[in-house]
Amino acid sequence: MTASATADSASSPAAVPGESGESALSVPVPASPASAALPSVVGSGSRNAEHVGQPTPAGVRSGRAQIDDLDARILALITERMNTAAGIQAARIADGGRRLDLKRETEIIARYREALGRPGVTVALAVLELCRGRV
């Protein structure tokens, strides 16, 4: 990925506010060659003019339903991971250990980086942050 593609990815939204009940929350996603050709609607205040008033194709609705299902499953897994990590952390502290195991966190970050590339580091850090608990 080039430096310009990396810079562009920071401003690419994951969702367009107002479409199909999606959140107005904009999450940066990595740019891909396919997404680079898509028109940008960030900051335009309206949808792409050629799509206004047109029904959403069945394939898009079906794909969105699949994405919604995947997101629900990912959130359930993250919640399960948070609960599991809290139990491990409590056991480690009860045994006189530290709240965090930085060596273990480094292994997890490496695993995510290996599977997802450089963006995997960001994902791993977010997951670890969620799972550290509030002590």
C-alpha atoms as a PDB file:
ATOM      1  CA  MET A   1       0.000   0.000   0.000  1.00  0.00           C
ATOM      2  CA  THR A   2       1.366   3.373  -0.919  1.00  0.00           C
ATOM      3  CA  ALA A   3       1.675   6.310   1.422  1.00  0.00           C
ATOM      4  CA  SER A   4      -1.126   8.118  -0.418  1.00  0.00           C
ATOM      5  CA  ALA A   5      -3.400   5.073  -0.161  1.00  0.00           C
ATOM      6  CA  THR A   6      -2.662   4.907   3.549  1.00  0.00           C
ATOM      7  CA  ALA A   7      -3.496   8.582   3.985  1.00  0.00           C
ATOM      8  CA  ASP A   8      -6.709   8.144   1.977  1.00  0.00           C
ATOM      9  CA  SER A   9      -7.753   5.167   4.116  1.00  0.00           C
ATOM     10  CA  ALA A  10      -7.871   7.298   7.249  1.00  0.00           C
ATOM     11  CA  SER A  11     -10.683   9.373   5.789  1.00  0.00           C
ATOM     12  CA  SER A  12     -12.714   6.585   4.136  1.00  0.00           C
ATOM     13  CA  PRO A  13     -15.924   6.041   6.102  1.00  0.00           C
ATOM     14  CA  ALA A  14     -17.231   2.570   6.851  1.00  0.00           C
ATOM     15  CA  ALA A  15     -20.818   3.772   6.594  1.00  0.00           C
ATOM     16  CA  VAL A  16     -22.684   6.627   5.001  1.00  0.00           C
ATOM     17  CA  PRO A  17     -24.934   8.269   7.603  1.00  0.00           C
ATOM     18  CA  GLY A  18     -28.617   7.851   6.950  1.00  0.00           C
ATOM     19  CA  GLU A  19     -28.465   4.794   4.677  1.00  0.00           C
ATOM     20  CA  SER A  20     -30.540   1.799   5.787  1.00  0.00           C
ATOM     21  CA  GLY A  21     -30.588   2.878   9.419  1.00  0.00           C
ATOM     22  CA  GLU A  22     -26.822   2.726   9.657  1.00  0.00           C
ATOM     23  CA  SER A  23     -25.156   4.765  12.367  1.00  0.00           C
ATOM     24  CA  ALA A  24     -23.712   8.173  11.678  1.00  0.00           C
ATOM     25  CA  LEU A  25     -20.509   6.868  13.241  1.00  0.00           C
ATOM     26  CA  SER A  26     -17.683   6.930  10.724  1.00  0.00           C
ATOM     27  CA  VAL A  27     -14.990   4.316  11.195  1.00  0.00           C
ATOM     28  CA  PRO A  28     -11.802   4.486   9.088  1.00  0.00           C
ATOM     29  CA  VAL A  29     -11.311   1.475   6.863  1.00  0.00           C
ATOM     30  CA  PRO A  30      -8.322   0.562   4.724  1.00  0.00           C
ATOM     31  CA  ALA A  31      -8.642   1.648   1.107  1.00  0.00           C
ATOM     32  CA  SER A  32      -8.591  -1.121  -1.455  1.00  0.00           C
ATOM     33  CA  PRO A  33      -8.202  -0.859  -5.222  1.00  0.00           C
ATOM     34  CA  ALA A  34     -11.954  -1.525  -5.574  1.00  0.00           C
ATOM     35  CA  SER A  35     -12.952   1.116  -3.022  1.00  0.00           C
ATOM     36  CA  ALA A  36     -10.588   3.692  -4.519  1.00  0.00           C
ATOM     37  CA  ALA A  37     -12.868   3.854  -7.587  1.00  0.00           C
ATOM     38  CA  LEU A  38     -15.973   4.554  -5.485  1.00  0.00           C
ATOM     39  CA  PRO A  39     -17.242   8.134  -5.306  1.00  0.00           C
ATOM     40  CA  SER A  40     -16.700   9.912  -2.015  1.00  0.00           C
ATOM     41  CA  VAL A  41     -19.703  11.345  -0.199  1.00  0.00           C
ATOM     42  CA  VAL A  42     -17.915  12.453   2.960  1.00  0.00           C
ATOM     43  CA  GLY A  43     -18.814  16.002   3.818  1.00  0.00           C
ATOM     44  CA  SER A  44     -21.160  16.372   0.832  1.00  0.00           C
ATOM     45  CA  GLY A  45     -24.235  16.541   3.054  1.00  0.00           C
ATOM     46  CA  SER A  46     -26.191  14.377   0.616  1.00  0.00           C
ATOM     47  CA  ARG A  47     -26.036  11.042  -1.105  1.00  0.00           C
ATOM     48  CA  ASN A  48     -24.568  10.607  -4.559  1.00  0.00           C
ATOM     49  CA  ALA A  49     -27.048  12.336  -6.902  1.00  0.00           C
ATOM     50  CA  GLU A  50     -27.350   9.382  -9.276  1.00  0.00           C
ATOM     51  CA  HIS A  51     -28.584   7.121  -6.423  1.00  0.00           C
ATOM     52  CA  VAL A  52     -31.098   9.467  -4.746  1.00  0.00           C
ATOM     53  CA  GLY A  53     -34.644   8.132  -4.897  1.00  0.00           C
ATOM     54  CA  GLN A  54     -33.610   4.764  -6.336  1.00  0.00           C
ATOM     55  CA  PRO A  55     -34.515   1.595  -4.449  1.00  0.00           C
ATOM     56  CA  THR A  56     -31.699  -0.347  -2.859  1.00  0.00           C
ATOM     57  CA  PRO A  57     -30.938  -3.458  -4.962  1.00  0.00           C
ATOM     58  CA  ALA A  58     -31.802  -6.819  -3.354  1.00  0.00           C
ATOM     59  CA  GLY A  59     -28.149  -7.885  -3.488  1.00  0.00           C
ATOM     60  CA  VAL A  60     -27.150  -4.818  -1.477  1.00  0.00           C
ATOM     61  CA  ARG A  61     -29.901  -5.415   1.101  1.00  0.00           C
ATOM     62  CA  SER A  62     -28.880  -9.059   1.372  1.00  0.00           C
ATOM     63  CA  GLY A  63     -25.218  -8.117   1.744  1.00  0.00           C
ATOM     64  CA  ARG A  64     -26.054  -5.546   4.410  1.00  0.00           C
ATOM     65  CA  ALA A  65     -28.086  -8.124   6.329  1.00  0.00           C
ATOM     66  CA  GLN A  66     -25.088 -10.449   6.213  1.00  0.00           C
ATOM     67  CA  ILE A  67     -22.791  -7.653   7.451  1.00  0.00           C
ATOM     68  CA  ASP A  68     -25.231  -6.890  10.288  1.00  0.00           C
ATOM     69  CA  ASP A  69     -25.212 -10.581  11.267  1.00  0.00           C
ATOM     70  CA  LEU A  70     -21.417 -10.714  11.165  1.00  0.00           C
ATOM     71  CA  ASP A  71     -21.172  -7.543  13.282  1.00  0.00           C
ATOM     72  CA  ALA A  72     -23.545  -9.029  15.871  1.00  0.00           C
ATOM     73  CA  ARG A  73     -21.429 -12.188  16.034  1.00  0.00           C
ATOM     74  CA  ILE A  74     -18.188 -10.182  16.300  1.00  0.00           C
ATOM     75  CA  LEU A  75     -19.652  -8.101  19.143  1.00  0.00           C
ATOM     76  CA  ALA A  76     -20.798 -11.265  20.949  1.00  0.00           C
ATOM     77  CA  LEU A  77     -17.304 -12.744  20.604  1.00  0.00           C
ATOM     78  CA  ILE A  78     -15.668  -9.559  21.865  1.00  0.00           C
ATOM     79  CA  THR A  79     -18.001  -9.570  24.877  1.00  0.00           C
ATOM     80  CA  GLU A  80     -17.129 -13.214  25.528  1.00  0.00           C
ATOM     81  CA  ARG A  81     -13.415 -12.363  25.216  1.00  0.00           C
ATOM     82  CA  MET A  82     -13.805  -9.481  27.676  1.00  0.00           C
ATOM     83  CA  ASN A  83     -15.426 -11.787  30.240  1.00  0.00           C
ATOM     84  CA  THR A  84     -12.777 -14.472  29.762  1.00  0.00           C
ATOM     85  CA  ALA A  85      -9.964 -11.926  30.065  1.00  0.00           C
ATOM     86  CA  ALA A  86     -11.508 -10.526  33.266  1.00  0.00           C
ATOM     87  CA  GLY A  87     -11.431 -14.010  34.809  1.00  0.00           C
ATOM     88  CA  ILE A  88      -7.819 -14.531  33.792  1.00  0.00           C
ATOM     89  CA  GLN A  89      -6.844 -11.117  35.126  1.00  0.00           C
ATOM     90  CA  ALA A  90      -8.556 -11.776  38.471  1.00  0.00           C
ATOM     91  CA  ALA A  91      -6.803 -15.143  38.789  1.00  0.00           C
ATOM     92  CA  ARG A  92      -3.424 -13.602  37.939  1.00  0.00           C
ATOM     93  CA  ILE A  93      -3.876 -10.805  40.510  1.00  0.00           C
ATOM     94  CA  ALA A  94      -5.125 -13.257  43.162  1.00  0.00           C
ATOM     95  CA  ASP A  95      -1.969 -15.279  42.580  1.00  0.00           C
ATOM     96  CA  GLY A  96       0.180 -12.195  43.218  1.00  0.00           C
ATOM     97  CA  GLY A  97       0.799 -11.402  39.562  1.00  0.00           C
ATOM     98  CA  ARG A  98       0.499  -8.163  37.675  1.00  0.00           C
ATOM     99  CA  ARG A  99      -2.732  -6.919  36.169  1.00  0.00           C
ATOM    100  CA  LEU A 100      -1.257  -7.005  32.645  1.00  0.00           C
ATOM    101  CA  ASP A 101       0.947  -9.563  30.920  1.00  0.00           C
ATOM    102  CA  LEU A 102       2.783  -7.466  28.340  1.00  0.00           C
ATOM    103  CA  LYS A 103       4.596 -10.476  26.848  1.00  0.00           C
ATOM    104  CA  ARG A 104       1.233 -12.120  26.160  1.00  0.00           C
ATOM    105  CA  GLU A 105      -0.148  -8.887  24.684  1.00  0.00           C
ATOM    106  CA  THR A 106       2.849  -8.664  22.352  1.00  0.00           C
ATOM    107  CA  GLU A 107       2.132 -12.224  21.140  1.00  0.00           C
ATOM    108  CA  ILE A 108      -1.502 -11.301  20.466  1.00  0.00           C
ATOM    109  CA  ILE A 109      -0.536  -8.152  18.552  1.00  0.00           C
ATOM    110  CA  ALA A 110       1.857 -10.200  16.411  1.00  0.00           C
ATOM    111  CA  ARG A 111      -0.889 -12.747  15.665  1.00  0.00           C
ATOM    112  CA  TYR A 112      -3.291 -10.029  14.497  1.00  0.00           C
ATOM    113  CA  ARG A 113      -0.559  -8.330  12.440  1.00  0.00           C
ATOM    114  CA  GLU A 114       0.310 -11.636  10.779  1.00  0.00           C
ATOM    115  CA  ALA A 115      -3.336 -12.311   9.886  1.00  0.00           C
ATOM    116  CA  LEU A 116      -4.441  -8.781   8.911  1.00  0.00           C
ATOM    117  CA  GLY A 117      -1.289  -6.868   8.064  1.00  0.00           C
ATOM    118  CA  ARG A 118      -0.481  -3.514   9.609  1.00  0.00           C
ATOM    119  CA  PRO A 119      -4.150  -2.653  10.324  1.00  0.00           C
ATOM    120  CA  GLY A 120      -4.221  -5.801  12.459  1.00  0.00           C
ATOM    121  CA  VAL A 121      -2.053  -4.011  15.015  1.00  0.00           C
ATOM    122  CA  THR A 122      -4.745  -1.363  15.430  1.00  0.00           C
ATOM    123  CA  VAL A 123      -7.437  -4.029  15.763  1.00  0.00           C
ATOM    124  CA  ALA A 124      -5.370  -5.954  18.336  1.00  0.00           C
ATOM    125  CA  LEU A 125      -4.696  -2.842  20.395  1.00  0.00           C
ATOM    126  CA  ALA A 126      -8.418  -1.993  20.414  1.00  0.00           C
ATOM    127  CA  VAL A 127      -9.367  -5.530  21.472  1.00  0.00           C
ATOM    128  CA  LEU A 128      -6.703  -5.552  24.179  1.00  0.00           C
ATOM    129  CA  GLU A 129      -7.862  -2.157  25.449  1.00  0.00           C
ATOM    130  CA  LEU A 130     -11.423  -3.447  25.723  1.00  0.00           C
ATOM    131  CA  CYS A 131     -10.330  -6.608  27.505  1.00  0.00           C
ATOM    132  CA  ARG A 132      -7.962  -5.116  30.097  1.00  0.00           C
ATOM    133  CA  GLY A 133     -10.783  -4.352  32.463  1.00  0.00           C
ATOM    134  CA  ARG A 134     -11.152  -1.371  34.739  1.00  0.00           C
ATOM    135  CA  VAL A 135      -9.242  -1.850  37.969  1.00  0.00           C
END
